[in-house]
Structures are given as structure tokens and as C-alpha cells.
């Protein structure tokens, strides 16, 4: 699957962004992040 997230109301290019997920009964966890410069980080899973 490919997820998309459209942003408005911010200067998008200056912001690092991230994807997070929450399964039923669990806390919300980081999945992946990307800096304004394009550096990425991922959860081990």
C-alpha cells in the first residue's frame, strides 16, 4: 500500500515529517520520519 499525507497551513518544506501508527489497545508509535533535508529514520519493525 502507499499512504499519502497532504499538508496545508504550514511551510511544508521547512518541516521534518513523520508517519505514526496505533493498533487497537496499543500506544501510538513512530513508524518513519524524514527531515526537511530528506534524511530518513525507521522503526526496526
ModelCIF file with pLDDT and N, C-alpha, C, O atoms, coordinates in Angstrom:
data_MODEL
#
_entry.id   MODEL 
#
_entity.id                         1 
_entity.type                       polymer 
_entity.pdbx_number_of_molecules   1 
#
_entity_poly.entity_id                      1 
_entity_poly.type                           'polypeptide(L)' 
_entity_poly.nstd_linkage                   no 
_entity_poly.nstd_monomer                   no 
_entity_poly.pdbx_seq_one_letter_code       
;(UNK)(UNK)(UNK)(UNK)(UNK)(UNK)(UNK)(UNK)(UNK)(UNK)(UNK)(UNK)(UNK)(UNK)(UNK)(UNK)
(UNK)(UNK)(UNK)(UNK)(UNK)(UNK)(UNK)(UNK)(UNK)(UNK)(UNK)(UNK)(UNK)(UNK)(UNK)(UNK)
(UNK)(UNK)(UNK)(UNK)(UNK)(UNK)(UNK)(UNK)(UNK)(UNK)(UNK)(UNK)(UNK)
;
_entity_poly.pdbx_seq_one_letter_code_can   XXXXXXXXXXXXXXXXXXXXXXXXXXXXXXXXXXXXXXXXXXXXX 
_entity_poly.pdbx_strand_id                 A 
#
loop_
_entity_poly_seq.entity_id 
_entity_poly_seq.num 
_entity_poly_seq.mon_id 
_entity_poly_seq.hetero 
1 1  UNK n 
1 2  UNK n 
1 3  UNK n 
1 4  UNK n 
1 5  UNK n 
1 6  UNK n 
1 7  UNK n 
1 8  UNK n 
1 9  UNK n 
1 10 UNK n 
1 11 UNK n 
1 12 UNK n 
1 13 UNK n 
1 14 UNK n 
1 15 UNK n 
1 16 UNK n 
1 17 UNK n 
1 18 UNK n 
1 19 UNK n 
1 20 UNK n 
1 21 UNK n 
1 22 UNK n 
1 23 UNK n 
1 24 UNK n 
1 25 UNK n 
1 26 UNK n 
1 27 UNK n 
1 28 UNK n 
1 29 UNK n 
1 30 UNK n 
1 31 UNK n 
1 32 UNK n 
1 33 UNK n 
1 34 UNK n 
1 35 UNK n 
1 36 UNK n 
1 37 UNK n 
1 38 UNK n 
1 39 UNK n 
1 40 UNK n 
1 41 UNK n 
1 42 UNK n 
1 43 UNK n 
1 44 UNK n 
1 45 UNK n 
#
_struct_asym.id          A 
_struct_asym.entity_id   1 
#
loop_
_ma_qa_metric.id 
_ma_qa_metric.mode 
_ma_qa_metric.name 
_ma_qa_metric.software_group_id 
_ma_qa_metric.type 
1 global pLDDT . pLDDT 
2 local  pLDDT . pLDDT 
#
_ma_qa_metric_global.metric_id      1 
_ma_qa_metric_global.metric_value   97.04 
_ma_qa_metric_global.model_id       1 
_ma_qa_metric_global.ordinal_id     1 
#
loop_
_ma_qa_metric_local.label_asym_id 
_ma_qa_metric_local.label_comp_id 
_ma_qa_metric_local.label_seq_id 
_ma_qa_metric_local.metric_id 
_ma_qa_metric_local.metric_value 
_ma_qa_metric_local.model_id 
_ma_qa_metric_local.ordinal_id 
A UNK 1  2 98.00 1 1  
A UNK 2  2 98.00 1 2  
A UNK 3  2 98.00 1 3  
A UNK 4  2 98.00 1 4  
A UNK 5  2 98.00 1 5  
A UNK 6  2 98.00 1 6  
A UNK 7  2 97.00 1 7  
A UNK 8  2 96.00 1 8  
A UNK 9  2 95.00 1 9  
A UNK 10 2 94.00 1 10 
A UNK 11 2 94.00 1 11 
A UNK 12 2 95.00 1 12 
A UNK 13 2 96.00 1 13 
A UNK 14 2 96.00 1 14 
A UNK 15 2 96.00 1 15 
A UNK 16 2 98.00 1 16 
A UNK 17 2 98.00 1 17 
A UNK 18 2 98.00 1 18 
A UNK 19 2 98.00 1 19 
A UNK 20 2 98.00 1 20 
A UNK 21 2 98.00 1 21 
A UNK 22 2 98.00 1 22 
A UNK 23 2 96.00 1 23 
A UNK 24 2 92.00 1 24 
A UNK 25 2 95.00 1 25 
A UNK 26 2 97.00 1 26 
A UNK 27 2 97.00 1 27 
A UNK 28 2 97.00 1 28 
A UNK 29 2 97.00 1 29 
A UNK 30 2 98.00 1 30 
A UNK 31 2 98.00 1 31 
A UNK 32 2 98.00 1 32 
A UNK 33 2 98.00 1 33 
A UNK 34 2 98.00 1 34 
A UNK 35 2 98.00 1 35 
A UNK 36 2 97.00 1 36 
A UNK 37 2 96.00 1 37 
A UNK 38 2 96.00 1 38 
A UNK 39 2 98.00 1 39 
A UNK 40 2 98.00 1 40 
A UNK 41 2 98.00 1 41 
A UNK 42 2 98.00 1 42 
A UNK 43 2 98.00 1 43 
A UNK 44 2 98.00 1 44 
A UNK 45 2 98.00 1 45 
#
loop_
_atom_site.group_PDB 
_atom_site.id 
_atom_site.type_symbol 
_atom_site.label_atom_id 
_atom_site.label_alt_id 
_atom_site.label_comp_id 
_atom_site.label_asym_id 
_atom_site.label_entity_id 
_atom_site.label_seq_id 
_atom_site.pdbx_PDB_ins_code 
_atom_site.Cartn_x 
_atom_site.Cartn_y 
_atom_site.Cartn_z 
_atom_site.occupancy 
_atom_site.B_iso_or_equiv 
_atom_site.pdbx_formal_charge 
_atom_site.auth_seq_id 
_atom_site.auth_comp_id 
_atom_site.auth_asym_id 
_atom_site.auth_atom_id 
_atom_site.pdbx_PDB_model_num 
ATOM 1   N N  . UNK A 1 1  ? 0.849  -1.178 0.000  1.00 98.00 ? 1  UNK A N  1 
ATOM 2   C CA . UNK A 1 1  ? 0.000  0.000  0.000  1.00 98.00 ? 1  UNK A CA 1 
ATOM 3   C C  . UNK A 1 1  ? 0.888  1.233  0.000  1.00 98.00 ? 1  UNK A C  1 
ATOM 4   O O  . UNK A 1 1  ? 2.020  1.202  0.484  1.00 98.00 ? 1  UNK A O  1 
ATOM 5   N N  . UNK A 1 2  ? 0.357  2.322  -0.552 1.00 98.00 ? 2  UNK A N  1 
ATOM 6   C CA . UNK A 1 2  ? 1.052  3.606  -0.500 1.00 98.00 ? 2  UNK A CA 1 
ATOM 7   C C  . UNK A 1 2  ? 0.149  4.622  0.161  1.00 98.00 ? 2  UNK A C  1 
ATOM 8   O O  . UNK A 1 2  ? -0.927 4.940  -0.344 1.00 98.00 ? 2  UNK A O  1 
ATOM 9   N N  . UNK A 1 3  ? 0.594  5.124  1.289  1.00 98.00 ? 3  UNK A N  1 
ATOM 10  C CA . UNK A 1 3  ? -0.143 6.150  2.016  1.00 98.00 ? 3  UNK A CA 1 
ATOM 11  C C  . UNK A 1 3  ? 0.341  7.531  1.602  1.00 98.00 ? 3  UNK A C  1 
ATOM 12  O O  . UNK A 1 3  ? 1.512  7.726  1.276  1.00 98.00 ? 3  UNK A O  1 
ATOM 13  N N  . UNK A 1 4  ? -0.583 8.483  1.623  1.00 98.00 ? 4  UNK A N  1 
ATOM 14  C CA . UNK A 1 4  ? -0.261 9.874  1.337  1.00 98.00 ? 4  UNK A CA 1 
ATOM 15  C C  . UNK A 1 4  ? -0.751 10.754 2.467  1.00 98.00 ? 4  UNK A C  1 
ATOM 16  O O  . UNK A 1 4  ? -1.745 10.441 3.123  1.00 98.00 ? 4  UNK A O  1 
ATOM 17  N N  . UNK A 1 5  ? -0.059 11.843 2.690  1.00 98.00 ? 5  UNK A N  1 
ATOM 18  C CA . UNK A 1 5  ? -0.469 12.827 3.687  1.00 98.00 ? 5  UNK A CA 1 
ATOM 19  C C  . UNK A 1 5  ? -0.289 14.207 3.079  1.00 98.00 ? 5  UNK A C  1 
ATOM 20  O O  . UNK A 1 5  ? 0.832  14.643 2.819  1.00 98.00 ? 5  UNK A O  1 
ATOM 21  N N  . UNK A 1 6  ? -1.403 14.886 2.857  1.00 98.00 ? 6  UNK A N  1 
ATOM 22  C CA . UNK A 1 6  ? -1.373 16.230 2.291  1.00 98.00 ? 6  UNK A CA 1 
ATOM 23  C C  . UNK A 1 6  ? -1.411 17.256 3.415  1.00 98.00 ? 6  UNK A C  1 
ATOM 24  O O  . UNK A 1 6  ? -2.280 17.212 4.286  1.00 98.00 ? 6  UNK A O  1 
ATOM 25  N N  . UNK A 1 7  ? -0.462 18.171 3.380  1.00 97.00 ? 7  UNK A N  1 
ATOM 26  C CA . UNK A 1 7  ? -0.338 19.179 4.427  1.00 97.00 ? 7  UNK A CA 1 
ATOM 27  C C  . UNK A 1 7  ? -0.746 20.551 3.915  1.00 97.00 ? 7  UNK A C  1 
ATOM 28  O O  . UNK A 1 7  ? -0.506 20.900 2.760  1.00 97.00 ? 7  UNK A O  1 
ATOM 29  N N  . UNK A 1 8  ? -1.359 21.311 4.791  1.00 96.00 ? 8  UNK A N  1 
ATOM 30  C CA . UNK A 1 8  ? -1.689 22.700 4.481  1.00 96.00 ? 8  UNK A CA 1 
ATOM 31  C C  . UNK A 1 8  ? -1.540 23.534 5.738  1.00 96.00 ? 8  UNK A C  1 
ATOM 32  O O  . UNK A 1 8  ? -1.564 23.008 6.852  1.00 96.00 ? 8  UNK A O  1 
ATOM 33  N N  . UNK A 1 9  ? -1.385 24.848 5.552  1.00 95.00 ? 9  UNK A N  1 
ATOM 34  C CA . UNK A 1 9  ? -1.283 25.734 6.695  1.00 95.00 ? 9  UNK A CA 1 
ATOM 35  C C  . UNK A 1 9  ? 0.093  25.793 7.319  1.00 95.00 ? 9  UNK A C  1 
ATOM 36  O O  . UNK A 1 9  ? 0.253  26.387 8.385  1.00 95.00 ? 9  UNK A O  1 
ATOM 37  N N  . UNK A 1 10 ? 1.093  25.195 6.690  1.00 94.00 ? 10 UNK A N  1 
ATOM 38  C CA . UNK A 1 10 ? 2.453  25.221 7.196  1.00 94.00 ? 10 UNK A CA 1 
ATOM 39  C C  . UNK A 1 10 ? 3.412  25.418 6.032  1.00 94.00 ? 10 UNK A C  1 
ATOM 40  O O  . UNK A 1 10 ? 3.060  25.189 4.875  1.00 94.00 ? 10 UNK A O  1 
ATOM 41  N N  . UNK A 1 11 ? 4.634  25.849 6.355  1.00 94.00 ? 11 UNK A N  1 
ATOM 42  C CA . UNK A 1 11 ? 5.687  25.899 5.331  1.00 94.00 ? 11 UNK A CA 1 
ATOM 43  C C  . UNK A 1 11 ? 6.286  24.502 5.282  1.00 94.00 ? 11 UNK A C  1 
ATOM 44  O O  . UNK A 1 11 ? 7.249  24.192 5.984  1.00 94.00 ? 11 UNK A O  1 
ATOM 45  N N  . UNK A 1 12 ? 5.698  23.678 4.445  1.00 95.00 ? 12 UNK A N  1 
ATOM 46  C CA . UNK A 1 12 ? 5.958  22.239 4.443  1.00 95.00 ? 12 UNK A CA 1 
ATOM 47  C C  . UNK A 1 12 ? 7.436  21.929 4.273  1.00 95.00 ? 12 UNK A C  1 
ATOM 48  O O  . UNK A 1 12 ? 7.973  21.076 4.979  1.00 95.00 ? 12 UNK A O  1 
ATOM 49  N N  . UNK A 1 13 ? 8.100  22.608 3.346  1.00 96.00 ? 13 UNK A N  1 
ATOM 50  C CA . UNK A 1 13 ? 9.483  22.242 3.010  1.00 96.00 ? 13 UNK A CA 1 
ATOM 51  C C  . UNK A 1 13 ? 10.435 22.451 4.193  1.00 96.00 ? 13 UNK A C  1 
ATOM 52  O O  . UNK A 1 13 ? 11.531 21.891 4.206  1.00 96.00 ? 13 UNK A O  1 
ATOM 53  N N  . UNK A 1 14 ? 10.035 23.239 5.171  1.00 96.00 ? 14 UNK A N  1 
ATOM 54  C CA . UNK A 1 14 ? 10.896 23.521 6.316  1.00 96.00 ? 14 UNK A CA 1 
ATOM 55  C C  . UNK A 1 14 ? 10.678 22.546 7.476  1.00 96.00 ? 14 UNK A C  1 
ATOM 56  O O  . UNK A 1 14 ? 11.397 22.587 8.474  1.00 96.00 ? 14 UNK A O  1 
ATOM 57  N N  . UNK A 1 15 ? 9.685  21.676 7.335  1.00 96.00 ? 15 UNK A N  1 
ATOM 58  C CA . UNK A 1 15 ? 9.319  20.784 8.432  1.00 96.00 ? 15 UNK A CA 1 
ATOM 59  C C  . UNK A 1 15 ? 9.735  19.351 8.197  1.00 96.00 ? 15 UNK A C  1 
ATOM 60  O O  . UNK A 1 15 ? 9.489  18.794 7.128  1.00 96.00 ? 15 UNK A O  1 
ATOM 61  N N  . UNK A 1 16 ? 10.371 18.747 9.202  1.00 98.00 ? 16 UNK A N  1 
ATOM 62  C CA . UNK A 1 16 ? 10.502 17.299 9.193  1.00 98.00 ? 16 UNK A CA 1 
ATOM 63  C C  . UNK A 1 16 ? 9.122  16.699 9.402  1.00 98.00 ? 16 UNK A C  1 
ATOM 64  O O  . UNK A 1 16 ? 8.288  17.264 10.110 1.00 98.00 ? 16 UNK A O  1 
ATOM 65  N N  . UNK A 1 17 ? 8.887  15.552 8.781  1.00 98.00 ? 17 UNK A N  1 
ATOM 66  C CA . UNK A 1 17 ? 7.577  14.906 8.859  1.00 98.00 ? 17 UNK A CA 1 
ATOM 67  C C  . UNK A 1 17 ? 7.734  13.455 9.295  1.00 98.00 ? 17 UNK A C  1 
ATOM 68  O O  . UNK A 1 17 ? 8.820  12.882 9.212  1.00 98.00 ? 17 UNK A O  1 
ATOM 69  N N  . UNK A 1 18 ? 6.648  12.879 9.755  1.00 98.00 ? 18 UNK A N  1 
ATOM 70  C CA . UNK A 1 18 ? 6.710  11.500 10.200 1.00 98.00 ? 18 UNK A CA 1 
ATOM 71  C C  . UNK A 1 18 ? 5.400  10.773 10.011 1.00 98.00 ? 18 UNK A C  1 
ATOM 72  O O  . UNK A 1 18 ? 4.334  11.383 9.920  1.00 98.00 ? 18 UNK A O  1 
ATOM 73  N N  . UNK A 1 19 ? 5.497  9.477  9.956  1.00 98.00 ? 19 UNK A N  1 
ATOM 74  C CA . UNK A 1 19 ? 4.336  8.587  9.984  1.00 98.00 ? 19 UNK A CA 1 
ATOM 75  C C  . UNK A 1 19 ? 4.335  7.832  11.309 1.00 98.00 ? 19 UNK A C  1 
ATOM 76  O O  . UNK A 1 19 ? 5.376  7.398  11.801 1.00 98.00 ? 19 UNK A O  1 
ATOM 77  N N  . UNK A 1 20 ? 3.154  7.692  11.862 1.00 98.00 ? 20 UNK A N  1 
ATOM 78  C CA . UNK A 1 20 ? 2.962  7.031  13.151 1.00 98.00 ? 20 UNK A CA 1 
ATOM 79  C C  . UNK A 1 20 ? 1.797  6.066  12.997 1.00 98.00 ? 20 UNK A C  1 
ATOM 80  O O  . UNK A 1 20 ? 0.978  6.213  12.089 1.00 98.00 ? 20 UNK A O  1 
ATOM 81  N N  . UNK A 1 21 ? 1.724  5.085  13.877 1.00 98.00 ? 21 UNK A N  1 
ATOM 82  C CA . UNK A 1 21 ? 0.596  4.164  13.814 1.00 98.00 ? 21 UNK A CA 1 
ATOM 83  C C  . UNK A 1 21 ? 0.157  3.758  15.202 1.00 98.00 ? 21 UNK A C  1 
ATOM 84  O O  . UNK A 1 21 ? 0.935  3.751  16.156 1.00 98.00 ? 21 UNK A O  1 
ATOM 85  N N  . UNK A 1 22 ? -1.123 3.417  15.280 1.00 98.00 ? 22 UNK A N  1 
ATOM 86  C CA . UNK A 1 22 ? -1.696 2.980  16.557 1.00 98.00 ? 22 UNK A CA 1 
ATOM 87  C C  . UNK A 1 22 ? -2.592 1.789  16.295 1.00 98.00 ? 22 UNK A C  1 
ATOM 88  O O  . UNK A 1 22 ? -3.602 1.887  15.597 1.00 98.00 ? 22 UNK A O  1 
ATOM 89  N N  . UNK A 1 23 ? -2.205 0.665  16.867 1.00 96.00 ? 23 UNK A N  1 
ATOM 90  C CA . UNK A 1 23 ? -3.009 -0.548 16.799 1.00 96.00 ? 23 UNK A CA 1 
ATOM 91  C C  . UNK A 1 23 ? -3.991 -0.555 17.971 1.00 96.00 ? 23 UNK A C  1 
ATOM 92  O O  . UNK A 1 23 ? -3.754 0.113  18.978 1.00 96.00 ? 23 UNK A O  1 
ATOM 93  N N  . UNK A 1 24 ? -5.082 -1.298 17.851 1.00 92.00 ? 24 UNK A N  1 
ATOM 94  C CA . UNK A 1 24 ? -6.073 -1.333 18.935 1.00 92.00 ? 24 UNK A CA 1 
ATOM 95  C C  . UNK A 1 24 ? -5.444 -1.735 20.270 1.00 92.00 ? 24 UNK A C  1 
ATOM 96  O O  . UNK A 1 24 ? -4.740 -2.741 20.358 1.00 92.00 ? 24 UNK A O  1 
ATOM 97  N N  . UNK A 1 25 ? -5.703 -0.951 21.289 1.00 95.00 ? 25 UNK A N  1 
ATOM 98  C CA . UNK A 1 25 ? -5.202 -1.254 22.619 1.00 95.00 ? 25 UNK A CA 1 
ATOM 99  C C  . UNK A 1 25 ? -3.738 -0.951 22.845 1.00 95.00 ? 25 UNK A C  1 
ATOM 100 O O  . UNK A 1 25 ? -3.191 -1.281 23.897 1.00 95.00 ? 25 UNK A O  1 
ATOM 101 N N  . UNK A 1 26 ? -3.097 -0.327 21.871 1.00 97.00 ? 26 UNK A N  1 
ATOM 102 C CA . UNK A 1 26 ? -1.666 -0.041 21.992 1.00 97.00 ? 26 UNK A CA 1 
ATOM 103 C C  . UNK A 1 26 ? -1.412 1.455  21.863 1.00 97.00 ? 26 UNK A C  1 
ATOM 104 O O  . UNK A 1 26 ? -2.281 2.209  21.424 1.00 97.00 ? 26 UNK A O  1 
ATOM 105 N N  . UNK A 1 27 ? -0.228 1.870  22.245 1.00 97.00 ? 27 UNK A N  1 
ATOM 106 C CA . UNK A 1 27 ? 0.126  3.275  22.129 1.00 97.00 ? 27 UNK A CA 1 
ATOM 107 C C  . UNK A 1 27 ? 0.475  3.609  20.683 1.00 97.00 ? 27 UNK A C  1 
ATOM 108 O O  . UNK A 1 27 ? 0.726  2.726  19.862 1.00 97.00 ? 27 UNK A O  1 
ATOM 109 N N  . UNK A 1 28 ? 0.483  4.894  20.400 1.00 97.00 ? 28 UNK A N  1 
ATOM 110 C CA . UNK A 1 28 ? 0.854  5.364  19.066 1.00 97.00 ? 28 UNK A CA 1 
ATOM 111 C C  . UNK A 1 28 ? 2.375  5.387  18.970 1.00 97.00 ? 28 UNK A C  1 
ATOM 112 O O  . UNK A 1 28 ? 3.048  5.977  19.816 1.00 97.00 ? 28 UNK A O  1 
ATOM 113 N N  . UNK A 1 29 ? 2.906  4.751  17.949 1.00 97.00 ? 29 UNK A N  1 
ATOM 114 C CA . UNK A 1 29 ? 4.350  4.624  17.794 1.00 97.00 ? 29 UNK A CA 1 
ATOM 115 C C  . UNK A 1 29 ? 4.825  5.247  16.493 1.00 97.00 ? 29 UNK A C  1 
ATOM 116 O O  . UNK A 1 29 ? 4.080  5.326  15.517 1.00 97.00 ? 29 UNK A O  1 
ATOM 117 N N  . UNK A 1 30 ? 6.061  5.683  16.495 1.00 98.00 ? 30 UNK A N  1 
ATOM 118 C CA . UNK A 1 30 ? 6.683  6.198  15.281 1.00 98.00 ? 30 UNK A CA 1 
ATOM 119 C C  . UNK A 1 30 ? 6.940  5.041  14.322 1.00 98.00 ? 30 UNK A C  1 
ATOM 120 O O  . UNK A 1 30 ? 7.385  3.969  14.732 1.00 98.00 ? 30 UNK A O  1 
ATOM 121 N N  . UNK A 1 31 ? 6.660  5.265  13.057 1.00 98.00 ? 31 UNK A N  1 
ATOM 122 C CA . UNK A 1 31 ? 6.950  4.286  12.017 1.00 98.00 ? 31 UNK A CA 1 
ATOM 123 C C  . UNK A 1 31 ? 8.160  4.733  11.194 1.00 98.00 ? 31 UNK A C  1 
ATOM 124 O O  . UNK A 1 31 ? 9.092  3.959  10.973 1.00 98.00 ? 31 UNK A O  1 
ATOM 125 N N  . UNK A 1 32 ? 8.132  5.995  10.743 1.00 98.00 ? 32 UNK A N  1 
ATOM 126 C CA . UNK A 1 32 ? 9.207  6.517  9.907  1.00 98.00 ? 32 UNK A CA 1 
ATOM 127 C C  . UNK A 1 32 ? 9.178  8.036  9.958  1.00 98.00 ? 32 UNK A C  1 
ATOM 128 O O  . UNK A 1 32 ? 8.116  8.644  10.093 1.00 98.00 ? 32 UNK A O  1 
ATOM 129 N N  . UNK A 1 33 ? 10.347 8.638  9.849  1.00 98.00 ? 33 UNK A N  1 
ATOM 130 C CA . UNK A 1 33 ? 10.440 10.092 9.787  1.00 98.00 ? 33 UNK A CA 1 
ATOM 131 C C  . UNK A 1 33 ? 11.360 10.514 8.662  1.00 98.00 ? 33 UNK A C  1 
ATOM 132 O O  . UNK A 1 33 ? 12.219 9.752  8.218  1.00 98.00 ? 33 UNK A O  1 
ATOM 133 N N  . UNK A 1 34 ? 11.166 11.746 8.208  1.00 98.00 ? 34 UNK A N  1 
ATOM 134 C CA . UNK A 1 34 ? 12.006 12.311 7.174  1.00 98.00 ? 34 UNK A CA 1 
ATOM 135 C C  . UNK A 1 34 ? 12.247 13.770 7.515  1.00 98.00 ? 34 UNK A C  1 
ATOM 136 O O  . UNK A 1 34 ? 11.310 14.510 7.816  1.00 98.00 ? 34 UNK A O  1 
ATOM 137 N N  . UNK A 1 35 ? 13.505 14.180 7.467  1.00 98.00 ? 35 UNK A N  1 
ATOM 138 C CA . UNK A 1 35 ? 13.830 15.564 7.787  1.00 98.00 ? 35 UNK A CA 1 
ATOM 139 C C  . UNK A 1 35 ? 13.519 16.464 6.594  1.00 98.00 ? 35 UNK A C  1 
ATOM 140 O O  . UNK A 1 35 ? 13.177 15.989 5.511  1.00 98.00 ? 35 UNK A O  1 
ATOM 141 N N  . UNK A 1 36 ? 13.644 17.768 6.812  1.00 97.00 ? 36 UNK A N  1 
ATOM 142 C CA . UNK A 1 36 ? 13.442 18.706 5.711  1.00 97.00 ? 36 UNK A CA 1 
ATOM 143 C C  . UNK A 1 36 ? 14.485 18.480 4.619  1.00 97.00 ? 36 UNK A C  1 
ATOM 144 O O  . UNK A 1 36 ? 14.238 18.788 3.452  1.00 97.00 ? 36 UNK A O  1 
ATOM 145 N N  . UNK A 1 37 ? 15.625 17.957 4.982  1.00 96.00 ? 37 UNK A N  1 
ATOM 146 C CA . UNK A 1 37 ? 16.685 17.692 4.012  1.00 96.00 ? 37 UNK A CA 1 
ATOM 147 C C  . UNK A 1 37 ? 16.611 16.320 3.370  1.00 96.00 ? 37 UNK A C  1 
ATOM 148 O O  . UNK A 1 37 ? 17.401 16.001 2.481  1.00 96.00 ? 37 UNK A O  1 
ATOM 149 N N  . UNK A 1 38 ? 15.663 15.506 3.819  1.00 96.00 ? 38 UNK A N  1 
ATOM 150 C CA . UNK A 1 38 ? 15.468 14.204 3.191  1.00 96.00 ? 38 UNK A CA 1 
ATOM 151 C C  . UNK A 1 38 ? 16.087 13.020 3.916  1.00 96.00 ? 38 UNK A C  1 
ATOM 152 O O  . UNK A 1 38 ? 16.023 11.897 3.415  1.00 96.00 ? 38 UNK A O  1 
ATOM 153 N N  . UNK A 1 39 ? 16.681 13.238 5.074  1.00 98.00 ? 39 UNK A N  1 
ATOM 154 C CA . UNK A 1 39 ? 17.223 12.115 5.844  1.00 98.00 ? 39 UNK A CA 1 
ATOM 155 C C  . UNK A 1 39 ? 16.078 11.348 6.486  1.00 98.00 ? 39 UNK A C  1 
ATOM 156 O O  . UNK A 1 39 ? 15.116 11.939 6.977  1.00 98.00 ? 39 UNK A O  1 
ATOM 157 N N  . UNK A 1 40 ? 16.194 10.023 6.475  1.00 98.00 ? 40 UNK A N  1 
ATOM 158 C CA . UNK A 1 40 ? 15.101 9.183  6.947  1.00 98.00 ? 40 UNK A CA 1 
ATOM 159 C C  . UNK A 1 40 ? 15.506 8.332  8.142  1.00 98.00 ? 40 UNK A C  1 
ATOM 160 O O  . UNK A 1 40 ? 16.684 8.061  8.373  1.00 98.00 ? 40 UNK A O  1 
ATOM 161 N N  . UNK A 1 41 ? 14.495 7.922  8.887  1.00 98.00 ? 41 UNK A N  1 
ATOM 162 C CA . UNK A 1 41 ? 14.687 7.052  10.041 1.00 98.00 ? 41 UNK A CA 1 
ATOM 163 C C  . UNK A 1 41 ? 13.465 6.141  10.130 1.00 98.00 ? 41 UNK A C  1 
ATOM 164 O O  . UNK A 1 41 ? 12.342 6.568  9.862  1.00 98.00 ? 41 UNK A O  1 
ATOM 165 N N  . UNK A 1 42 ? 13.696 4.880  10.508 1.00 98.00 ? 42 UNK A N  1 
ATOM 166 C CA . UNK A 1 42 ? 12.620 3.901  10.527 1.00 98.00 ? 42 UNK A CA 1 
ATOM 167 C C  . UNK A 1 42 ? 12.601 3.131  11.839 1.00 98.00 ? 42 UNK A C  1 
ATOM 168 O O  . UNK A 1 42 ? 13.640 2.907  12.459 1.00 98.00 ? 42 UNK A O  1 
ATOM 169 N N  . UNK A 1 43 ? 11.422 2.734  12.244 1.00 98.00 ? 43 UNK A N  1 
ATOM 170 C CA . UNK A 1 43 ? 11.303 1.785  13.335 1.00 98.00 ? 43 UNK A CA 1 
ATOM 171 C C  . UNK A 1 43 ? 11.903 0.458  12.879 1.00 98.00 ? 43 UNK A C  1 
ATOM 172 O O  . UNK A 1 43 ? 11.824 0.100  11.704 1.00 98.00 ? 43 UNK A O  1 
ATOM 173 N N  . UNK A 1 44 ? 12.496 -0.258 13.811 1.00 98.00 ? 44 UNK A N  1 
ATOM 174 C CA . UNK A 1 44 ? 13.146 -1.524 13.454 1.00 98.00 ? 44 UNK A CA 1 
ATOM 175 C C  . UNK A 1 44 ? 12.165 -2.494 12.784 1.00 98.00 ? 44 UNK A C  1 
ATOM 176 O O  . UNK A 1 44 ? 12.545 -3.259 11.898 1.00 98.00 ? 44 UNK A O  1 
ATOM 177 N N  . UNK A 1 45 ? 10.918 -2.452 13.212 1.00 98.00 ? 45 UNK A N  1 
ATOM 178 C CA . UNK A 1 45 ? 9.929  -3.409 12.717 1.00 98.00 ? 45 UNK A CA 1 
ATOM 179 C C  . UNK A 1 45 ? 9.574  -3.215 11.244 1.00 98.00 ? 45 UNK A C  1 
ATOM 180 O O  . UNK A 1 45 ? 8.753  -3.956 10.704 1.00 98.00 ? 45 UNK A O  1 
#
